[in-house]
Amino acid sequence: KELAKKYLLRGKTLEQVKEEAKNDLRQAVQACGTNTCSSVQKVLAHLAACYMLVKSGKTFLEATPSEQAELIKKLTRPHPVQMLVLFRFLQAHKERQGYFDPL
């Protein structure tokens, strides 16, 4: 929810928001690859935010402010099983010395 508000409630265009989300995701992955990340929570949160932006961003940003108040509760989020697949795909379940190796 925090990332949804960060990206969607700042008056930027969808392309600007997507670029910002992509950069934040890249930084989260790099932080995990340099032994500074103890879990994948941040990476998964950014992946979920990117998914939400692709699926719901345009509809939300084109809505009026009154419609946005209702839409923020209904943004498309990844299904928990999709997140679990990503968790396993990134081998995050195999913790190594307090960090995970995303690649």
Protein backbone atom coordinates (compact mmCIF):
# COMPACT_ATOMS: atom_id res chain seq x y z
CA LYS A 1 0.00 0.00 0.00
CA GLU A 2 2.79 2.41 0.85
CA LEU A 3 4.43 1.97 -2.53
CA ALA A 4 1.09 2.34 -4.30
CA LYS A 5 0.59 5.68 -2.61
CA LYS A 6 4.20 6.68 -3.27
CA TYR A 7 3.87 6.07 -6.99
CA LEU A 8 0.27 7.01 -7.71
CA LEU A 9 -0.50 10.02 -5.51
CA ARG A 10 2.21 12.38 -6.69
CA GLY A 11 0.74 13.83 -9.88
CA LYS A 12 3.21 12.19 -12.27
CA THR A 13 2.47 10.55 -15.61
CA LEU A 14 2.23 6.78 -15.87
CA GLU A 15 5.53 6.59 -17.76
CA GLN A 16 7.30 8.62 -15.06
CA VAL A 17 5.82 6.43 -12.35
CA LYS A 18 6.81 3.21 -14.15
CA GLU A 19 10.36 4.46 -14.62
CA GLU A 20 10.63 5.40 -10.93
CA ALA A 21 9.26 2.00 -9.88
CA LYS A 22 11.69 0.22 -12.21
CA ASN A 23 14.64 2.15 -10.76
CA ASP A 24 13.52 1.41 -7.20
CA LEU A 25 13.22 -2.29 -8.04
CA ARG A 26 16.68 -2.29 -9.60
CA GLN A 27 18.13 -0.68 -6.46
CA ALA A 28 16.40 -3.22 -4.20
CA VAL A 29 17.84 -6.11 -6.22
CA GLN A 30 21.32 -4.58 -6.19
CA ALA A 31 21.16 -4.08 -2.42
CA CYS A 32 20.37 -7.76 -1.96
CA GLY A 33 23.23 -8.76 -4.22
CA THR A 34 25.75 -6.84 -2.11
CA ASN A 35 25.08 -8.72 1.15
CA THR A 36 23.11 -5.86 2.70
CA CYS A 37 19.67 -7.42 2.41
CA SER A 38 18.53 -9.93 5.05
CA SER A 39 15.30 -10.83 3.24
CA VAL A 40 13.56 -10.50 -0.07
CA GLN A 41 10.66 -8.55 1.34
CA LYS A 42 11.78 -5.29 -0.25
CA VAL A 43 12.35 -6.86 -3.66
CA LEU A 44 8.99 -8.62 -3.59
CA ALA A 45 7.25 -5.41 -2.48
CA HIS A 46 8.74 -3.56 -5.45
CA LEU A 47 7.82 -6.39 -7.82
CA ALA A 48 4.24 -6.24 -6.53
CA ALA A 49 4.20 -2.45 -6.98
CA CYS A 50 5.43 -2.79 -10.59
CA TYR A 51 2.74 -5.40 -11.27
CA MET A 52 0.11 -3.10 -9.80
CA LEU A 53 1.28 -0.19 -11.94
CA VAL A 54 1.14 -2.22 -15.13
CA LYS A 55 -2.31 -3.64 -14.35
CA SER A 56 -4.03 -0.66 -12.68
CA GLY A 57 -1.86 2.42 -13.09
CA LYS A 58 -3.45 3.87 -16.21
CA THR A 59 -7.02 3.49 -14.91
CA PHE A 60 -6.08 5.05 -11.60
CA LEU A 61 -4.19 8.02 -13.04
CA GLU A 62 -6.95 8.80 -15.56
CA ALA A 63 -9.64 8.82 -12.84
CA THR A 64 -10.88 11.94 -11.09
CA PRO A 65 -9.66 12.56 -7.54
CA SER A 66 -12.97 11.36 -6.08
CA GLU A 67 -12.79 8.17 -8.17
CA GLN A 68 -9.17 7.66 -7.13
CA ALA A 69 -10.17 7.53 -3.47
CA GLU A 70 -12.31 4.49 -4.23
CA LEU A 71 -9.93 2.94 -6.77
CA ILE A 72 -6.95 2.94 -4.40
CA LYS A 73 -8.73 0.22 -2.43
CA LYS A 74 -9.25 -1.90 -5.57
CA LEU A 75 -5.85 -1.80 -7.24
CA THR A 76 -4.84 -5.06 -8.91
CA ARG A 77 -2.24 -6.81 -6.82
CA PRO A 78 -0.39 -10.03 -7.57
CA HIS A 79 -2.03 -13.18 -6.24
CA PRO A 80 -0.20 -14.63 -3.22
CA VAL A 81 0.70 -17.73 -5.24
CA GLN A 82 2.34 -15.52 -7.87
CA MET A 83 4.45 -13.95 -5.13
CA LEU A 84 5.36 -17.38 -3.78
CA VAL A 85 6.49 -18.47 -7.24
CA LEU A 86 8.73 -15.40 -7.47
CA PHE A 87 10.07 -16.09 -4.00
CA ARG A 88 11.02 -19.63 -5.06
CA PHE A 89 12.20 -18.58 -8.53
CA LEU A 90 14.65 -16.14 -6.93
CA GLN A 91 15.72 -18.95 -4.60
CA ALA A 92 14.98 -16.69 -1.65
CA HIS A 93 14.06 -19.72 0.41
CA LYS A 94 17.76 -20.67 0.32
CA GLU A 95 19.14 -18.03 2.66
CA ARG A 96 22.91 -17.68 2.50
CA GLN A 97 24.73 -15.77 5.23
CA GLY A 98 21.82 -13.41 5.81
CA TYR A 99 21.19 -12.46 2.18
CA PHE A 100 19.94 -14.02 -1.00
CA ASP A 101 21.56 -14.20 -4.39
CA PRO A 102 18.92 -13.08 -6.92
CA LEU A 103 20.88 -14.30 -9.93
